[in-house]
């Protein structure tokens, strides 16, 4: 039914701050990209009533899309993003606030190894162990980074068996995202940031 209007919403939250929700009556537009290794959004909000006074930089933003069904308004949340830019605009008598957000893959692409890391030929860590350590910020070059959860929805025959040993290393300033991609090269698995804030790995069927 083309007469059914889409629903959209963004929930902005930060520890110690009041959570704010904006939906169709405040959102003018959403330009949103969500891919396995890339996530970003630009959300334009109507601020003609000067109701937006918060600086949202550093807030987590969760965008949801949906529609009204017989059960009422139903929305599905996308993977969380984080606000890194906020701009106020005035044009044609309308005041707007534009939020620029980055997804988890983009943040991983900004986290750089602060040291070199090598493994011996007899190292017994599997690809799965290393992926969890890179994301969990427990592997030496990335212990200065924020820890994220690695969730394994399904596993291929390699991810928890293959041990890359000295075929795997990390150079100074390698990004977490590039390291994860290199580890996945040893497997048949793929990654995706999801709505629970974790990085999910699965074996495609």
N, C-alpha and C. Protein backbone atom coordinates (compact mmCIF):
# COMPACT_ATOMS: atom_id res chain seq x y z
N UNK A 1 0.85 -1.18 0.00
CA UNK A 1 0.00 0.00 0.00
C UNK A 1 0.89 1.24 0.00
N UNK A 2 0.92 1.99 -1.11
CA UNK A 2 1.80 3.14 -1.21
C UNK A 2 1.36 4.30 -0.32
N UNK A 3 0.16 4.21 0.25
CA UNK A 3 -0.32 5.29 1.12
C UNK A 3 0.20 5.15 2.54
N UNK A 4 0.84 4.02 2.84
CA UNK A 4 1.37 3.81 4.19
C UNK A 4 2.66 4.61 4.36
N UNK A 5 2.67 5.52 5.31
CA UNK A 5 3.84 6.37 5.53
C UNK A 5 4.91 5.62 6.32
N UNK A 6 6.15 5.74 5.93
CA UNK A 6 7.23 5.09 6.69
C UNK A 6 7.44 5.78 8.03
N UNK A 7 7.94 5.02 8.98
CA UNK A 7 8.28 5.55 10.30
C UNK A 7 9.81 5.55 10.43
N UNK A 8 10.33 6.55 11.10
CA UNK A 8 11.77 6.60 11.33
C UNK A 8 12.02 7.35 12.62
N UNK A 9 13.12 7.02 13.25
CA UNK A 9 13.41 7.55 14.59
C UNK A 9 14.90 7.47 14.84
N UNK A 10 15.39 8.39 15.67
CA UNK A 10 16.75 8.29 16.17
C UNK A 10 16.73 8.49 17.68
N UNK A 11 17.37 7.58 18.39
CA UNK A 11 17.49 7.66 19.84
C UNK A 11 18.93 8.01 20.17
N UNK A 12 19.14 9.11 20.86
CA UNK A 12 20.47 9.60 21.20
C UNK A 12 20.71 9.43 22.69
N UNK A 13 21.78 8.73 23.04
CA UNK A 13 22.04 8.45 24.46
C UNK A 13 23.52 8.55 24.76
N UNK A 14 23.80 8.86 26.01
CA UNK A 14 25.17 8.93 26.50
C UNK A 14 25.13 8.72 27.99
N UNK A 15 26.11 7.99 28.50
CA UNK A 15 26.15 7.69 29.93
C UNK A 15 26.14 8.97 30.75
N UNK A 16 25.22 9.04 31.72
CA UNK A 16 25.11 10.19 32.60
C UNK A 16 24.29 11.34 32.05
N UNK A 17 23.78 11.17 30.80
CA UNK A 17 23.00 12.22 30.16
C UNK A 17 21.58 11.72 29.87
N UNK A 18 20.67 12.66 29.68
CA UNK A 18 19.29 12.30 29.37
C UNK A 18 19.19 11.76 27.95
N UNK A 19 18.52 10.63 27.79
CA UNK A 19 18.30 10.06 26.46
C UNK A 19 17.22 10.85 25.73
N UNK A 20 17.49 11.16 24.46
CA UNK A 20 16.59 11.98 23.66
C UNK A 20 16.14 11.18 22.44
N UNK A 21 14.85 11.25 22.12
CA UNK A 21 14.30 10.55 20.97
C UNK A 21 13.64 11.54 20.02
N UNK A 22 14.00 11.46 18.75
CA UNK A 22 13.38 12.28 17.71
C UNK A 22 12.79 11.36 16.64
N UNK A 23 11.59 11.68 16.18
CA UNK A 23 10.99 10.88 15.13
C UNK A 23 10.47 11.77 14.01
N UNK A 24 9.39 11.31 13.34
CA UNK A 24 8.95 11.96 12.11
C UNK A 24 8.62 13.44 12.27
N UNK A 25 8.18 13.87 13.44
CA UNK A 25 7.80 15.26 13.61
C UNK A 25 9.00 16.18 13.76
N UNK A 26 10.19 15.61 13.93
CA UNK A 26 11.40 16.42 14.10
C UNK A 26 12.43 16.14 12.98
N UNK A 27 12.45 14.93 12.46
CA UNK A 27 13.45 14.56 11.46
C UNK A 27 13.03 15.04 10.07
N UNK A 28 13.90 15.80 9.43
CA UNK A 28 13.66 16.28 8.07
C UNK A 28 14.16 15.26 7.05
N UNK A 29 15.35 14.71 7.29
CA UNK A 29 15.91 13.73 6.36
C UNK A 29 16.94 12.86 7.06
N UNK A 30 17.12 11.65 6.51
CA UNK A 30 18.17 10.74 6.98
C UNK A 30 18.89 10.19 5.76
N UNK A 31 20.20 10.37 5.73
CA UNK A 31 21.05 9.77 4.70
C UNK A 31 21.91 8.74 5.41
N UNK A 32 21.62 7.47 5.22
CA UNK A 32 22.16 6.41 6.06
C UNK A 32 22.76 5.29 5.21
N UNK A 33 23.99 4.93 5.50
CA UNK A 33 24.67 3.82 4.84
C UNK A 33 25.04 2.79 5.90
N UNK A 34 24.67 1.53 5.65
CA UNK A 34 25.01 0.45 6.58
C UNK A 34 25.53 -0.73 5.78
N UNK A 35 26.85 -0.95 5.84
CA UNK A 35 27.51 -2.03 5.13
C UNK A 35 28.40 -2.79 6.11
N UNK A 36 28.85 -4.00 5.74
CA UNK A 36 29.67 -4.79 6.67
C UNK A 36 30.92 -4.06 7.17
N UNK A 37 31.57 -3.28 6.32
CA UNK A 37 32.80 -2.61 6.75
C UNK A 37 32.68 -1.09 6.71
N UNK A 38 31.44 -0.60 6.71
CA UNK A 38 31.25 0.85 6.65
C UNK A 38 29.86 1.21 7.18
N UNK A 39 29.81 2.25 7.98
CA UNK A 39 28.52 2.73 8.49
C UNK A 39 28.59 4.20 8.81
N UNK A 40 27.67 4.97 8.25
CA UNK A 40 27.63 6.39 8.55
C UNK A 40 26.22 6.91 8.28
N UNK A 41 25.93 8.08 8.82
CA UNK A 41 24.62 8.69 8.61
C UNK A 41 24.71 10.19 8.80
N UNK A 42 23.83 10.88 8.09
CA UNK A 42 23.63 12.31 8.31
C UNK A 42 22.15 12.52 8.56
N UNK A 43 21.83 13.05 9.71
CA UNK A 43 20.44 13.24 10.11
C UNK A 43 20.19 14.74 10.27
N UNK A 44 19.20 15.24 9.54
CA UNK A 44 18.85 16.66 9.61
C UNK A 44 17.57 16.81 10.43
N UNK A 45 17.65 17.63 11.48
CA UNK A 45 16.53 17.83 12.40
C UNK A 45 15.98 19.25 12.29
N UNK A 46 14.68 19.37 12.39
CA UNK A 46 14.03 20.68 12.39
C UNK A 46 14.20 21.32 13.77
N UNK A 47 14.79 22.51 13.79
CA UNK A 47 14.99 23.20 15.07
C UNK A 47 14.39 24.60 15.03
N UNK A 48 13.33 24.76 14.24
CA UNK A 48 12.70 26.09 14.13
C UNK A 48 12.13 26.58 15.44
N UNK A 49 11.79 25.64 16.33
CA UNK A 49 11.26 26.04 17.64
C UNK A 49 12.35 26.21 18.68
N UNK A 50 13.62 26.06 18.25
CA UNK A 50 14.79 26.19 19.14
C UNK A 50 14.74 25.17 20.28
N UNK A 51 14.08 24.05 20.02
CA UNK A 51 13.95 23.03 21.06
C UNK A 51 15.18 22.17 21.25
N UNK A 52 16.11 22.19 20.28
CA UNK A 52 17.32 21.39 20.39
C UNK A 52 18.44 22.28 20.91
N UNK A 53 18.86 22.03 22.13
CA UNK A 53 19.91 22.83 22.76
C UNK A 53 21.12 21.99 23.17
N UNK A 54 21.01 20.66 23.04
CA UNK A 54 22.07 19.76 23.50
C UNK A 54 23.16 19.62 22.45
N UNK A 55 24.41 19.58 22.89
CA UNK A 55 25.53 19.23 22.02
C UNK A 55 25.64 17.71 22.05
N UNK A 56 25.28 17.06 20.94
CA UNK A 56 25.21 15.61 20.92
C UNK A 56 26.53 14.93 20.53
N UNK A 57 27.58 15.67 20.33
CA UNK A 57 28.85 15.03 19.96
C UNK A 57 29.26 14.04 21.05
N UNK A 58 29.58 12.82 20.62
CA UNK A 58 29.95 11.76 21.56
C UNK A 58 28.79 10.88 21.96
N UNK A 59 27.57 11.27 21.61
CA UNK A 59 26.39 10.45 21.91
C UNK A 59 26.31 9.26 20.95
N UNK A 60 25.71 8.19 21.44
CA UNK A 60 25.37 7.07 20.57
C UNK A 60 24.01 7.35 19.93
N UNK A 61 23.90 7.08 18.65
CA UNK A 61 22.64 7.28 17.95
C UNK A 61 22.17 5.99 17.31
N UNK A 62 20.95 5.59 17.63
CA UNK A 62 20.37 4.37 17.05
C UNK A 62 19.19 4.78 16.17
N UNK A 63 19.32 4.51 14.88
CA UNK A 63 18.27 4.83 13.91
C UNK A 63 17.36 3.62 13.74
N UNK A 64 16.07 3.86 13.71
CA UNK A 64 15.09 2.79 13.51
C UNK A 64 14.17 3.16 12.35
N UNK A 65 13.77 2.14 11.60
CA UNK A 65 12.82 2.33 10.51
C UNK A 65 11.64 1.39 10.71
N UNK A 66 10.49 1.77 10.18
CA UNK A 66 9.34 0.88 10.31
C UNK A 66 8.11 1.42 9.63
N UNK A 67 6.96 0.90 10.05
CA UNK A 67 5.68 1.32 9.49
C UNK A 67 4.59 0.99 10.49
N UNK A 68 3.42 1.56 10.27
CA UNK A 68 2.27 1.28 11.13
C UNK A 68 1.50 0.09 10.57
N UNK A 69 1.34 -0.94 11.39
CA UNK A 69 0.62 -2.14 11.00
C UNK A 69 -0.62 -2.29 11.87
N UNK A 70 -1.30 -3.40 11.73
CA UNK A 70 -2.48 -3.65 12.56
C UNK A 70 -2.12 -3.74 14.04
N UNK A 71 -0.85 -3.99 14.32
CA UNK A 71 -0.39 -4.06 15.71
C UNK A 71 0.06 -2.70 16.23
N UNK A 72 0.02 -1.69 15.36
CA UNK A 72 0.47 -0.35 15.76
C UNK A 72 1.79 0.01 15.10
N UNK A 73 2.47 0.99 15.66
CA UNK A 73 3.75 1.43 15.11
C UNK A 73 4.83 0.40 15.42
N UNK A 74 5.46 -0.12 14.37
CA UNK A 74 6.52 -1.11 14.55
C UNK A 74 7.78 -0.62 13.86
N UNK A 75 8.89 -0.64 14.61
CA UNK A 75 10.17 -0.18 14.09
C UNK A 75 11.25 -1.23 14.34
N UNK A 76 12.24 -1.24 13.47
CA UNK A 76 13.38 -2.14 13.62
C UNK A 76 14.65 -1.30 13.72
N UNK A 77 15.43 -1.54 14.76
CA UNK A 77 16.63 -0.74 15.00
C UNK A 77 17.79 -1.21 14.15
N UNK A 78 18.59 -0.25 13.70
CA UNK A 78 19.81 -0.55 12.96
C UNK A 78 20.98 -0.59 13.93
N UNK A 79 22.16 -0.90 13.41
CA UNK A 79 23.36 -0.91 14.25
C UNK A 79 23.63 0.50 14.78
N UNK A 80 24.09 0.62 16.00
CA UNK A 80 24.33 1.94 16.59
C UNK A 80 25.44 2.70 15.87
N UNK A 81 25.32 4.01 15.89
CA UNK A 81 26.35 4.90 15.38
C UNK A 81 26.71 5.89 16.48
N UNK A 82 27.74 6.70 16.22
CA UNK A 82 28.16 7.69 17.22
C UNK A 82 28.30 9.05 16.54
N UNK A 83 27.81 10.08 17.23
CA UNK A 83 27.83 11.43 16.68
C UNK A 83 29.24 12.01 16.80
N UNK A 84 29.80 12.41 15.66
CA UNK A 84 31.11 13.04 15.69
C UNK A 84 31.07 14.49 15.19
N UNK A 85 29.92 14.91 14.69
CA UNK A 85 29.80 16.29 14.23
C UNK A 85 28.38 16.79 14.36
N UNK A 86 28.23 18.08 14.66
CA UNK A 86 26.91 18.70 14.78
C UNK A 86 27.00 20.13 14.27
N UNK A 87 26.09 20.49 13.36
CA UNK A 87 26.10 21.83 12.79
C UNK A 87 24.71 22.43 12.81
N UNK A 88 24.64 23.72 13.10
CA UNK A 88 23.39 24.47 13.06
C UNK A 88 23.31 25.24 11.75
N UNK A 89 22.14 25.22 11.12
CA UNK A 89 21.97 25.91 9.84
C UNK A 89 20.70 26.75 9.88
N UNK A 90 20.70 27.78 9.04
CA UNK A 90 19.51 28.62 8.87
C UNK A 90 19.35 28.89 7.39
N UNK A 91 18.18 28.52 6.84
CA UNK A 91 17.92 28.76 5.43
C UNK A 91 16.41 28.86 5.20
N UNK A 92 16.02 29.84 4.41
CA UNK A 92 14.63 30.04 4.03
C UNK A 92 13.71 30.07 5.26
N UNK A 93 14.18 30.73 6.29
CA UNK A 93 13.37 30.89 7.49
C UNK A 93 13.27 29.66 8.36
N UNK A 94 14.04 28.60 8.07
CA UNK A 94 13.99 27.37 8.86
C UNK A 94 15.34 27.12 9.52
N UNK A 95 15.29 26.81 10.80
CA UNK A 95 16.50 26.45 11.54
C UNK A 95 16.61 24.94 11.60
N UNK A 96 17.81 24.43 11.32
CA UNK A 96 18.02 22.97 11.35
C UNK A 96 19.30 22.64 12.11
N UNK A 97 19.35 21.39 12.58
CA UNK A 97 20.55 20.84 13.20
C UNK A 97 20.90 19.58 12.42
N UNK A 98 22.14 19.52 11.95
CA UNK A 98 22.60 18.35 11.20
C UNK A 98 23.58 17.55 12.06
N UNK A 99 23.26 16.28 12.26
CA UNK A 99 24.13 15.37 13.01
C UNK A 99 24.86 14.46 12.03
N UNK A 100 26.17 14.37 12.18
CA UNK A 100 26.99 13.44 11.39
C UNK A 100 27.42 12.31 12.30
N UNK A 101 27.15 11.07 11.87
CA UNK A 101 27.40 9.90 12.72
C UNK A 101 28.27 8.88 12.01
N UNK A 102 29.06 8.15 12.81
CA UNK A 102 29.90 7.07 12.30
C UNK A 102 29.48 5.76 12.94
N UNK A 103 29.58 4.68 12.16
CA UNK A 103 29.26 3.36 12.67
C UNK A 103 30.47 2.67 13.27
N UNK A 104 30.24 1.53 13.86
CA UNK A 104 31.31 0.77 14.51
C UNK A 104 32.45 0.41 13.55
N UNK A 105 32.16 -0.04 12.31
CA UNK A 105 33.29 -0.34 11.41
C UNK A 105 34.18 0.89 11.17
N UNK A 106 33.57 2.06 11.07
CA UNK A 106 34.35 3.27 10.86
C UNK A 106 35.23 3.59 12.06
N UNK A 107 34.71 3.32 13.26
CA UNK A 107 35.52 3.54 14.46
C UNK A 107 36.68 2.55 14.51
N UNK A 108 36.43 1.31 14.10
CA UNK A 108 37.50 0.31 14.05
C UNK A 108 38.58 0.72 13.06
N UNK A 109 38.17 1.42 12.00
CA UNK A 109 39.12 1.88 10.98
C UNK A 109 39.97 3.04 11.48
N UNK A 110 39.58 3.64 12.61
CA UNK A 110 40.35 4.75 13.18
C UNK A 110 41.25 4.30 14.32
N UNK A 111 41.02 3.09 14.85
CA UNK A 111 41.85 2.56 15.94
C UNK A 111 43.13 1.97 15.35
N UNK A 112 44.26 2.49 15.75
CA UNK A 112 45.54 2.05 15.18
C UNK A 112 46.40 1.33 16.21
N UNK A 113 47.10 0.32 15.74
CA UNK A 113 48.00 -0.44 16.60
C UNK A 113 49.12 0.47 17.11
N UNK A 114 49.38 0.43 18.41
CA UNK A 114 50.42 1.28 18.98
C UNK A 114 51.76 0.55 19.12
N UNK A 115 51.83 -0.67 18.58
CA UNK A 115 53.07 -1.44 18.63
C UNK A 115 52.99 -2.55 17.58
N UNK A 116 54.13 -3.13 17.28
CA UNK A 116 54.17 -4.28 16.38
C UNK A 116 53.83 -5.54 17.16
N UNK A 117 53.20 -6.50 16.48
CA UNK A 117 52.83 -7.76 17.12
C UNK A 117 53.19 -8.90 16.18
N UNK A 118 53.90 -9.89 16.69
CA UNK A 118 54.25 -11.06 15.89
C UNK A 118 53.95 -12.33 16.68
N UNK A 119 53.81 -13.43 15.96
CA UNK A 119 53.56 -14.72 16.59
C UNK A 119 54.63 -15.72 16.17
N UNK A 120 54.91 -16.66 17.06
CA UNK A 120 55.85 -17.72 16.74
C UNK A 120 55.16 -18.80 15.89
N UNK A 121 55.97 -19.64 15.26
CA UNK A 121 55.42 -20.69 14.39
C UNK A 121 54.58 -21.70 15.16
N UNK A 122 54.81 -21.80 16.47
CA UNK A 122 54.06 -22.76 17.27
C UNK A 122 52.88 -22.16 18.01
N UNK A 123 52.54 -20.90 17.71
CA UNK A 123 51.43 -20.24 18.40
C UNK A 123 50.12 -20.99 18.12
N UNK A 124 49.35 -21.26 19.17
CA UNK A 124 48.15 -22.09 19.03
C UNK A 124 46.85 -21.30 18.98
N UNK A 125 46.91 -19.99 18.93
CA UNK A 125 45.68 -19.20 18.87
C UNK A 125 45.00 -19.37 17.52
N UNK A 126 43.70 -19.63 17.57
CA UNK A 126 42.94 -19.76 16.34
C UNK A 126 42.50 -18.38 15.84
N UNK A 127 41.96 -18.34 14.63
CA UNK A 127 41.44 -17.09 14.08
C UNK A 127 40.36 -16.53 15.00
N UNK A 128 39.49 -17.40 15.49
CA UNK A 128 38.42 -16.95 16.37
C UNK A 128 38.98 -16.31 17.64
N UNK A 129 39.97 -16.92 18.24
CA UNK A 129 40.59 -16.38 19.45
C UNK A 129 41.18 -15.01 19.18
N UNK A 130 41.85 -14.87 18.04
CA UNK A 130 42.48 -13.59 17.69
C UNK A 130 41.44 -12.52 17.39
N UNK A 131 40.37 -12.88 16.68
CA UNK A 131 39.31 -11.92 16.40
C UNK A 131 38.71 -11.38 17.69
N UNK A 132 38.43 -12.27 18.62
CA UNK A 132 37.85 -11.85 19.90
C UNK A 132 38.81 -10.94 20.66
N UNK A 133 40.11 -11.24 20.58
CA UNK A 133 41.10 -10.44 21.29
C UNK A 133 41.26 -9.06 20.67
N UNK A 134 41.22 -8.99 19.34
CA UNK A 134 41.33 -7.69 18.66
C UNK A 134 40.12 -6.82 19.01
N UNK A 135 38.93 -7.39 18.92
CA UNK A 135 37.72 -6.63 19.22
C UNK A 135 37.59 -6.33 20.71
N UNK A 136 37.99 -7.27 21.54
CA UNK A 136 37.87 -7.09 22.98
C UNK A 136 38.96 -6.24 23.59
N UNK A 137 39.90 -5.75 22.73
CA UNK A 137 40.99 -4.88 23.17
C UNK A 137 41.88 -5.56 24.21
N UNK A 138 42.09 -6.88 24.02
CA UNK A 138 42.99 -7.60 24.92
C UNK A 138 44.28 -8.02 24.22
N UNK A 139 44.36 -7.82 22.90
CA UNK A 139 45.60 -8.10 22.18
C UNK A 139 46.49 -6.86 22.29
N UNK A 140 47.77 -7.09 22.60
CA UNK A 140 48.69 -6.01 22.98
C UNK A 140 48.61 -4.72 22.16
N UNK A 141 48.61 -4.74 20.83
CA UNK A 141 48.63 -3.48 20.09
C UNK A 141 47.34 -2.66 20.21
N UNK A 142 46.26 -3.27 20.76
CA UNK A 142 44.97 -2.58 20.80
C UNK A 142 44.38 -2.47 22.21
N UNK A 143 45.20 -2.66 23.23
CA UNK A 143 44.67 -2.59 24.59
C UNK A 143 44.27 -1.17 24.98
N UNK A 144 44.70 -0.18 24.21
CA UNK A 144 44.34 1.22 24.49
C UNK A 144 43.00 1.58 23.88
N UNK A 145 42.39 0.65 23.15
CA UNK A 145 41.15 0.93 22.43
C UNK A 145 39.92 0.52 23.24
N UNK A 146 38.75 0.93 22.79
CA UNK A 146 37.49 0.54 23.40
C UNK A 146 37.22 -0.94 23.08
N UNK A 147 36.74 -1.67 24.06
CA UNK A 147 36.43 -3.09 23.87
C UNK A 147 35.03 -3.25 23.29
N UNK A 148 34.90 -4.12 22.29
CA UNK A 148 33.61 -4.47 21.71
C UNK A 148 33.41 -5.98 21.79
N UNK A 149 32.15 -6.39 21.73
CA UNK A 149 31.83 -7.81 21.83
C UNK A 149 31.86 -8.46 20.46
N UNK A 150 32.48 -9.63 20.38
CA UNK A 150 32.45 -10.45 19.17
C UNK A 150 31.43 -11.57 19.39
N UNK A 151 30.44 -11.65 18.51
CA UNK A 151 29.40 -12.68 18.60
C UNK A 151 29.48 -13.58 17.37
N UNK A 152 29.49 -14.88 17.59
CA UNK A 152 29.61 -15.83 16.49
C UNK A 152 28.27 -16.52 16.29
N UNK A 153 27.54 -16.06 15.27
CA UNK A 153 26.20 -16.61 15.00
C UNK A 153 26.28 -17.98 14.37
N UNK A 154 27.26 -18.19 13.53
CA UNK A 154 27.54 -19.49 12.93
C UNK A 154 29.01 -19.53 12.57
N UNK A 155 29.57 -20.72 12.52
CA UNK A 155 31.01 -20.84 12.28
C UNK A 155 31.28 -21.80 11.12
N UNK A 156 32.26 -21.42 10.30
CA UNK A 156 32.68 -22.33 9.24
C UNK A 156 33.68 -23.33 9.82
N UNK A 157 34.25 -24.14 8.97
CA UNK A 157 35.15 -25.21 9.44
C UNK A 157 36.55 -24.71 9.76
N UNK A 158 36.80 -23.41 9.57
CA UNK A 158 38.16 -22.89 9.73
C UNK A 158 38.33 -21.93 10.90
N UNK A 159 37.31 -21.16 11.21
CA UNK A 159 37.48 -20.02 12.10
C UNK A 159 37.98 -20.41 13.49
N UNK A 160 37.56 -21.56 14.01
CA UNK A 160 38.00 -21.98 15.34
C UNK A 160 38.93 -23.19 15.27
N UNK A 161 39.48 -23.42 14.07
CA UNK A 161 40.41 -24.53 13.87
C UNK A 161 41.75 -24.05 13.33
N UNK A 162 41.69 -23.19 12.33
CA UNK A 162 42.92 -22.73 11.69
C UNK A 162 43.71 -21.83 12.64
N UNK A 163 45.02 -22.10 12.73
CA UNK A 163 45.93 -21.33 13.58
C UNK A 163 46.96 -20.64 12.68
N UNK A 164 46.80 -19.36 12.47
CA UNK A 164 47.69 -18.68 11.52
C UNK A 164 49.14 -18.58 11.96
N UNK A 165 49.39 -18.70 13.27
CA UNK A 165 50.76 -18.70 13.80
C UNK A 165 51.58 -17.55 13.22
N UNK A 166 52.79 -17.85 12.67
CA UNK A 166 53.65 -16.77 12.19
C UNK A 166 53.22 -16.22 10.84
N UNK A 167 52.12 -16.71 10.29
CA UNK A 167 51.57 -16.13 9.05
C UNK A 167 50.75 -14.88 9.36
N UNK A 168 50.57 -14.59 10.64
CA UNK A 168 49.80 -13.42 11.05
C UNK A 168 50.65 -12.50 11.90
N UNK A 169 50.65 -11.23 11.56
CA UNK A 169 51.31 -10.22 12.39
C UNK A 169 50.55 -8.90 12.27
N UNK A 170 50.91 -7.97 13.12
CA UNK A 170 50.32 -6.63 13.11
C UNK A 170 51.46 -5.64 13.10
N UNK A 171 51.41 -4.70 12.17
CA UNK A 171 52.42 -3.66 12.08
C UNK A 171 51.95 -2.41 12.81
N UNK A 172 52.88 -1.60 13.22
CA UNK A 172 52.56 -0.33 13.87
C UNK A 172 51.63 0.48 12.97
N UNK A 173 50.55 0.99 13.57
CA UNK A 173 49.54 1.82 12.89
C UNK A 173 48.58 1.05 12.00
N UNK A 174 48.67 -0.27 11.97
CA UNK A 174 47.60 -1.05 11.31
C UNK A 174 46.30 -0.77 12.04
N UNK A 175 45.20 -0.68 11.31
CA UNK A 175 43.92 -0.42 11.96
C UNK A 175 43.26 -1.72 12.40
N UNK A 176 42.39 -1.62 13.38
CA UNK A 176 41.67 -2.81 13.84
C UNK A 176 40.83 -3.41 12.72
N UNK A 177 40.20 -2.55 11.91
CA UNK A 177 39.37 -3.07 10.83
C UNK A 177 40.21 -3.85 9.83
N UNK A 178 41.37 -3.34 9.45
CA UNK A 178 42.24 -4.06 8.51
C UNK A 178 42.72 -5.38 9.09
N UNK A 179 43.04 -5.38 10.38
CA UNK A 179 43.50 -6.62 11.02
C UNK A 179 42.38 -7.66 11.02
N UNK A 180 41.15 -7.23 11.32
CA UNK A 180 40.01 -8.16 11.30
C UNK A 180 39.81 -8.72 9.90
N UNK A 181 39.92 -7.87 8.89
CA UNK A 181 39.76 -8.34 7.51
C UNK A 181 40.84 -9.36 7.15
N UNK A 182 42.06 -9.13 7.62
CA UNK A 182 43.14 -10.08 7.32
C UNK A 182 42.88 -11.43 7.99
N UNK A 183 42.36 -11.39 9.21
CA UNK A 183 42.05 -12.63 9.90
C UNK A 183 40.91 -13.37 9.20
N UNK A 184 39.90 -12.63 8.75
CA UNK A 184 38.78 -13.27 8.06
C UNK A 184 39.21 -13.88 6.73
N UNK A 185 40.31 -13.40 6.15
CA UNK A 185 40.82 -13.96 4.90
C UNK A 185 41.19 -15.44 5.06
N UNK A 186 41.54 -15.84 6.29
CA UNK A 186 41.88 -17.23 6.55
C UNK A 186 40.65 -18.12 6.66
N UNK A 187 39.46 -17.53 6.62
CA UNK A 187 38.22 -18.27 6.86
C UNK A 187 37.23 -18.06 5.72
N UNK A 188 36.03 -18.59 5.91
CA UNK A 188 34.93 -18.37 4.97
C UNK A 188 33.86 -17.48 5.60
N UNK A 189 34.18 -16.86 6.72
CA UNK A 189 33.21 -16.08 7.49
C UNK A 189 33.20 -14.61 7.07
N UNK A 190 32.12 -13.92 7.44
CA UNK A 190 31.98 -12.49 7.19
C UNK A 190 31.57 -11.81 8.49
N UNK A 191 31.73 -10.49 8.53
CA UNK A 191 31.40 -9.72 9.73
C UNK A 191 30.28 -8.74 9.43
N UNK A 192 29.59 -8.32 10.50
CA UNK A 192 28.56 -7.30 10.37
C UNK A 192 28.27 -6.73 11.76
N UNK A 193 28.28 -5.39 11.87
CA UNK A 193 27.87 -4.74 13.11
C UNK A 193 26.35 -4.75 13.16
N UNK A 194 25.79 -5.12 14.32
CA UNK A 194 24.33 -5.25 14.41
C UNK A 194 23.77 -4.39 15.54
N UNK A 195 22.44 -4.44 15.68
CA UNK A 195 21.73 -3.52 16.57
C UNK A 195 22.11 -3.67 18.04
N UNK A 196 22.63 -4.82 18.43
CA UNK A 196 23.00 -5.02 19.84
C UNK A 196 24.34 -4.39 20.19
N UNK A 197 24.98 -3.73 19.22
CA UNK A 197 26.25 -3.08 19.47
C UNK A 197 27.45 -3.99 19.37
N UNK A 198 27.23 -5.25 19.02
CA UNK A 198 28.31 -6.22 18.88
C UNK A 198 28.67 -6.39 17.41
N UNK A 199 29.86 -6.93 17.16
CA UNK A 199 30.26 -7.34 15.81
C UNK A 199 29.94 -8.82 15.68
N UNK A 200 29.08 -9.14 14.73
CA UNK A 200 28.65 -10.52 14.52
C UNK A 200 29.42 -11.16 13.38
N UNK A 201 29.80 -12.42 13.59
CA UNK A 201 30.48 -13.19 12.55
C UNK A 201 29.57 -14.38 12.20
N UNK A 202 29.52 -14.67 10.92
CA UNK A 202 28.71 -15.81 10.48
C UNK A 202 29.30 -16.40 9.21
N UNK A 203 28.99 -17.67 9.00
CA UNK A 203 29.38 -18.34 7.77
C UNK A 203 28.22 -18.26 6.80
N UNK A 204 28.37 -17.54 5.68
CA UNK A 204 27.26 -17.39 4.73
C UNK A 204 26.81 -18.74 4.19
N UNK A 205 25.52 -18.87 3.94
CA UNK A 205 24.99 -20.09 3.35
C UNK A 205 24.52 -19.80 1.93
